[in-house]
């Protein structure tokens, strides 16, 4: 069974910021199963549902990589949640 994880993110609405986020997720070996966005002034709130291409993919490592992107922060408590897909 494949696990899906939802990561809640706040991202600046700068040019290319969404493309950088999506590119990072794909380069780290995750599929994007769903995304919802809400604009909040100069930023966006994103709920990103992802699953690893294989069992070796770590959602914790992906979260750390997302945290390093300029203008991006994980939000919520918890920062992500797992769901059976």
N, C-alpha and C. Protein backbone atom coordinates (compact mmCIF):
# COMPACT_ATOMS: atom_id res chain seq x y z
N UNK A 1 0.84 -1.17 0.00
CA UNK A 1 0.00 0.00 0.00
C UNK A 1 0.89 1.24 0.00
N UNK A 2 0.56 2.21 -0.84
CA UNK A 2 1.30 3.45 -0.95
C UNK A 2 0.74 4.46 0.03
N UNK A 3 1.64 5.15 0.72
CA UNK A 3 1.22 6.17 1.67
C UNK A 3 1.30 7.54 1.01
N UNK A 4 0.28 8.35 1.26
CA UNK A 4 0.29 9.74 0.83
C UNK A 4 0.51 10.61 2.04
N UNK A 5 1.20 11.70 1.85
CA UNK A 5 1.47 12.66 2.91
C UNK A 5 1.03 14.03 2.43
N UNK A 6 0.41 14.79 3.32
CA UNK A 6 0.01 16.15 2.99
C UNK A 6 0.89 17.10 3.76
N UNK A 7 1.56 17.97 3.02
CA UNK A 7 2.44 18.98 3.61
C UNK A 7 1.77 20.32 3.44
N UNK A 8 1.66 21.07 4.52
CA UNK A 8 1.05 22.41 4.48
C UNK A 8 2.18 23.43 4.43
N UNK A 9 2.10 24.30 3.43
CA UNK A 9 3.20 25.21 3.12
C UNK A 9 2.67 26.62 2.95
N UNK A 10 3.47 27.59 3.38
CA UNK A 10 3.21 28.99 3.04
C UNK A 10 4.37 29.41 2.15
N UNK A 11 4.04 30.01 1.00
CA UNK A 11 5.06 30.35 0.01
C UNK A 11 4.82 31.77 -0.49
N UNK A 12 5.90 32.50 -0.70
CA UNK A 12 5.80 33.85 -1.27
C UNK A 12 5.25 33.75 -2.69
N UNK A 13 4.55 34.79 -3.10
CA UNK A 13 3.99 34.82 -4.45
C UNK A 13 4.97 35.40 -5.45
N UNK A 14 6.25 35.17 -5.25
CA UNK A 14 7.29 35.67 -6.15
C UNK A 14 7.27 34.87 -7.45
N UNK A 15 7.79 35.49 -8.52
CA UNK A 15 7.88 34.81 -9.80
C UNK A 15 8.68 33.52 -9.67
N UNK A 16 8.13 32.43 -10.15
CA UNK A 16 8.82 31.15 -10.18
C UNK A 16 8.81 30.37 -8.88
N UNK A 17 8.22 30.90 -7.82
CA UNK A 17 8.28 30.20 -6.52
C UNK A 17 7.53 28.87 -6.57
N UNK A 18 6.38 28.83 -7.20
CA UNK A 18 5.62 27.59 -7.28
C UNK A 18 6.35 26.56 -8.15
N UNK A 19 6.96 27.02 -9.24
CA UNK A 19 7.73 26.11 -10.10
C UNK A 19 8.92 25.52 -9.35
N UNK A 20 9.59 26.32 -8.51
CA UNK A 20 10.72 25.81 -7.73
C UNK A 20 10.25 24.74 -6.75
N UNK A 21 9.10 24.97 -6.12
CA UNK A 21 8.56 24.00 -5.17
C UNK A 21 8.22 22.68 -5.87
N UNK A 22 7.50 22.77 -6.96
CA UNK A 22 7.10 21.56 -7.69
C UNK A 22 8.32 20.81 -8.23
N UNK A 23 9.28 21.55 -8.77
CA UNK A 23 10.50 20.93 -9.27
C UNK A 23 11.26 20.20 -8.19
N UNK A 24 11.35 20.80 -7.01
CA UNK A 24 12.04 20.16 -5.89
C UNK A 24 11.36 18.86 -5.50
N UNK A 25 10.05 18.88 -5.39
CA UNK A 25 9.30 17.68 -5.01
C UNK A 25 9.55 16.56 -6.02
N UNK A 26 9.49 16.88 -7.30
CA UNK A 26 9.69 15.86 -8.33
C UNK A 26 11.13 15.36 -8.35
N UNK A 27 12.10 16.25 -8.20
CA UNK A 27 13.52 15.84 -8.19
C UNK A 27 13.85 14.96 -7.00
N UNK A 28 13.16 15.12 -5.91
CA UNK A 28 13.40 14.31 -4.71
C UNK A 28 12.69 12.97 -4.76
N UNK A 29 12.02 12.67 -5.88
CA UNK A 29 11.44 11.34 -6.07
C UNK A 29 10.03 11.18 -5.54
N UNK A 30 9.25 12.24 -5.56
CA UNK A 30 7.86 12.17 -5.10
C UNK A 30 6.90 12.52 -6.23
N UNK A 31 5.74 11.87 -6.22
CA UNK A 31 4.64 12.21 -7.12
C UNK A 31 3.72 13.17 -6.38
N UNK A 32 3.19 14.14 -7.09
CA UNK A 32 2.21 15.06 -6.52
C UNK A 32 0.83 14.50 -6.85
N UNK A 33 0.10 14.09 -5.81
CA UNK A 33 -1.24 13.53 -6.00
C UNK A 33 -2.32 14.59 -5.95
N UNK A 34 -2.04 15.71 -5.30
CA UNK A 34 -3.04 16.77 -5.22
C UNK A 34 -2.44 18.03 -4.63
N UNK A 35 -3.07 19.16 -4.98
CA UNK A 35 -2.61 20.44 -4.46
C UNK A 35 -3.79 21.38 -4.39
N UNK A 36 -3.90 22.08 -3.26
CA UNK A 36 -4.90 23.14 -3.17
C UNK A 36 -4.17 24.39 -2.68
N UNK A 37 -4.61 25.55 -3.20
CA UNK A 37 -3.94 26.80 -2.88
C UNK A 37 -4.97 27.85 -2.50
N UNK A 38 -4.55 28.75 -1.62
CA UNK A 38 -5.36 29.91 -1.27
C UNK A 38 -4.43 31.11 -1.17
N UNK A 39 -4.73 32.17 -1.90
CA UNK A 39 -3.92 33.38 -1.84
C UNK A 39 -4.21 34.15 -0.57
N UNK A 40 -3.14 34.67 0.03
CA UNK A 40 -3.25 35.47 1.24
C UNK A 40 -2.32 36.67 1.10
N UNK A 41 -2.73 37.65 0.34
CA UNK A 41 -1.89 38.84 0.14
C UNK A 41 -0.65 38.52 -0.65
N UNK A 42 0.52 38.70 -0.03
CA UNK A 42 1.80 38.48 -0.71
C UNK A 42 2.24 37.02 -0.68
N UNK A 43 1.44 36.14 -0.09
CA UNK A 43 1.82 34.73 0.00
C UNK A 43 0.65 33.83 -0.38
N UNK A 44 0.95 32.56 -0.48
CA UNK A 44 -0.06 31.53 -0.75
C UNK A 44 0.06 30.45 0.30
N UNK A 45 -1.06 29.88 0.69
CA UNK A 45 -1.07 28.68 1.52
C UNK A 45 -1.34 27.51 0.59
N UNK A 46 -0.52 26.48 0.71
CA UNK A 46 -0.63 25.33 -0.17
C UNK A 46 -0.73 24.07 0.67
N UNK A 47 -1.68 23.20 0.33
CA UNK A 47 -1.74 21.85 0.89
C UNK A 47 -1.30 20.93 -0.26
N UNK A 48 -0.15 20.31 -0.11
CA UNK A 48 0.46 19.50 -1.15
C UNK A 48 0.44 18.04 -0.72
N UNK A 49 -0.29 17.21 -1.47
CA UNK A 49 -0.37 15.78 -1.16
C UNK A 49 0.60 15.05 -2.08
N UNK A 50 1.56 14.34 -1.46
CA UNK A 50 2.61 13.67 -2.21
C UNK A 50 2.75 12.22 -1.76
N UNK A 51 3.37 11.42 -2.62
CA UNK A 51 3.74 10.05 -2.26
C UNK A 51 5.06 9.73 -2.95
N UNK A 52 5.87 8.97 -2.27
CA UNK A 52 7.18 8.61 -2.81
C UNK A 52 7.06 7.64 -3.97
N UNK A 53 8.00 7.72 -4.88
CA UNK A 53 8.03 6.78 -6.01
C UNK A 53 8.34 5.37 -5.55
N UNK A 54 9.05 5.27 -4.41
CA UNK A 54 9.37 3.96 -3.83
C UNK A 54 9.48 4.11 -2.32
N UNK A 55 9.65 2.99 -1.63
CA UNK A 55 9.66 2.98 -0.17
C UNK A 55 10.88 3.69 0.42
N UNK A 56 11.92 3.92 -0.37
CA UNK A 56 13.13 4.56 0.12
C UNK A 56 12.97 6.06 0.30
N UNK A 57 11.89 6.64 -0.20
CA UNK A 57 11.69 8.10 -0.13
C UNK A 57 11.19 8.48 1.26
N UNK A 58 11.83 9.49 1.86
CA UNK A 58 11.49 9.93 3.21
C UNK A 58 10.79 11.28 3.16
N UNK A 59 9.59 11.34 3.72
CA UNK A 59 8.86 12.60 3.77
C UNK A 59 9.58 13.60 4.67
N UNK A 60 10.29 13.11 5.68
CA UNK A 60 11.06 14.01 6.55
C UNK A 60 12.17 14.71 5.77
N UNK A 61 12.86 13.97 4.93
CA UNK A 61 13.92 14.57 4.10
C UNK A 61 13.34 15.58 3.12
N UNK A 62 12.19 15.25 2.53
CA UNK A 62 11.54 16.19 1.62
C UNK A 62 11.18 17.47 2.36
N UNK A 63 10.64 17.33 3.57
CA UNK A 63 10.28 18.50 4.37
C UNK A 63 11.48 19.39 4.65
N UNK A 64 12.61 18.80 4.97
CA UNK A 64 13.83 19.57 5.22
C UNK A 64 14.28 20.32 3.97
N UNK A 65 14.15 19.67 2.81
CA UNK A 65 14.52 20.33 1.56
C UNK A 65 13.56 21.49 1.25
N UNK A 66 12.28 21.29 1.51
CA UNK A 66 11.30 22.36 1.29
C UNK A 66 11.62 23.55 2.20
N UNK A 67 12.00 23.28 3.44
CA UNK A 67 12.33 24.35 4.38
C UNK A 67 13.50 25.20 3.89
N UNK A 68 14.35 24.64 3.07
CA UNK A 68 15.52 25.37 2.58
C UNK A 68 15.22 26.27 1.38
N UNK A 69 14.07 26.11 0.77
CA UNK A 69 13.71 26.97 -0.36
C UNK A 69 13.48 28.39 0.13
N UNK A 70 13.96 29.36 -0.62
CA UNK A 70 13.77 30.77 -0.27
C UNK A 70 12.29 31.13 -0.36
N UNK A 71 11.77 31.76 0.67
CA UNK A 71 10.38 32.22 0.66
C UNK A 71 9.35 31.14 0.93
N UNK A 72 9.80 29.99 1.47
CA UNK A 72 8.90 28.87 1.72
C UNK A 72 9.01 28.44 3.18
N UNK A 73 7.88 28.13 3.80
CA UNK A 73 7.88 27.62 5.17
C UNK A 73 6.76 26.61 5.31
N UNK A 74 7.06 25.48 5.97
CA UNK A 74 6.00 24.53 6.32
C UNK A 74 5.21 25.13 7.48
N UNK A 75 3.92 24.91 7.47
CA UNK A 75 3.07 25.46 8.54
C UNK A 75 2.14 24.39 9.05
N UNK A 76 1.43 24.69 10.12
CA UNK A 76 0.43 23.78 10.66
C UNK A 76 1.03 22.90 11.74
N UNK A 77 0.15 22.28 12.48
CA UNK A 77 0.55 21.35 13.52
C UNK A 77 -0.27 20.09 13.35
N UNK A 78 0.27 18.99 12.89
CA UNK A 78 1.66 18.80 12.51
C UNK A 78 1.95 19.41 11.15
N UNK A 79 3.23 19.51 10.79
CA UNK A 79 3.62 20.11 9.51
C UNK A 79 3.17 19.25 8.33
N UNK A 80 2.98 17.97 8.55
CA UNK A 80 2.43 17.09 7.52
C UNK A 80 1.67 15.96 8.20
N UNK A 81 0.86 15.27 7.41
CA UNK A 81 0.10 14.15 7.94
C UNK A 81 0.10 13.04 6.91
N UNK A 82 0.07 11.81 7.38
CA UNK A 82 0.07 10.65 6.48
C UNK A 82 -1.34 10.13 6.30
N UNK A 83 -1.61 9.62 5.11
CA UNK A 83 -2.89 9.02 4.80
C UNK A 83 -2.65 7.78 3.96
N UNK A 84 -3.44 6.76 4.13
CA UNK A 84 -3.35 5.58 3.27
C UNK A 84 -4.01 5.93 1.96
N UNK A 85 -3.36 5.57 0.85
CA UNK A 85 -3.92 5.89 -0.47
C UNK A 85 -4.40 4.64 -1.15
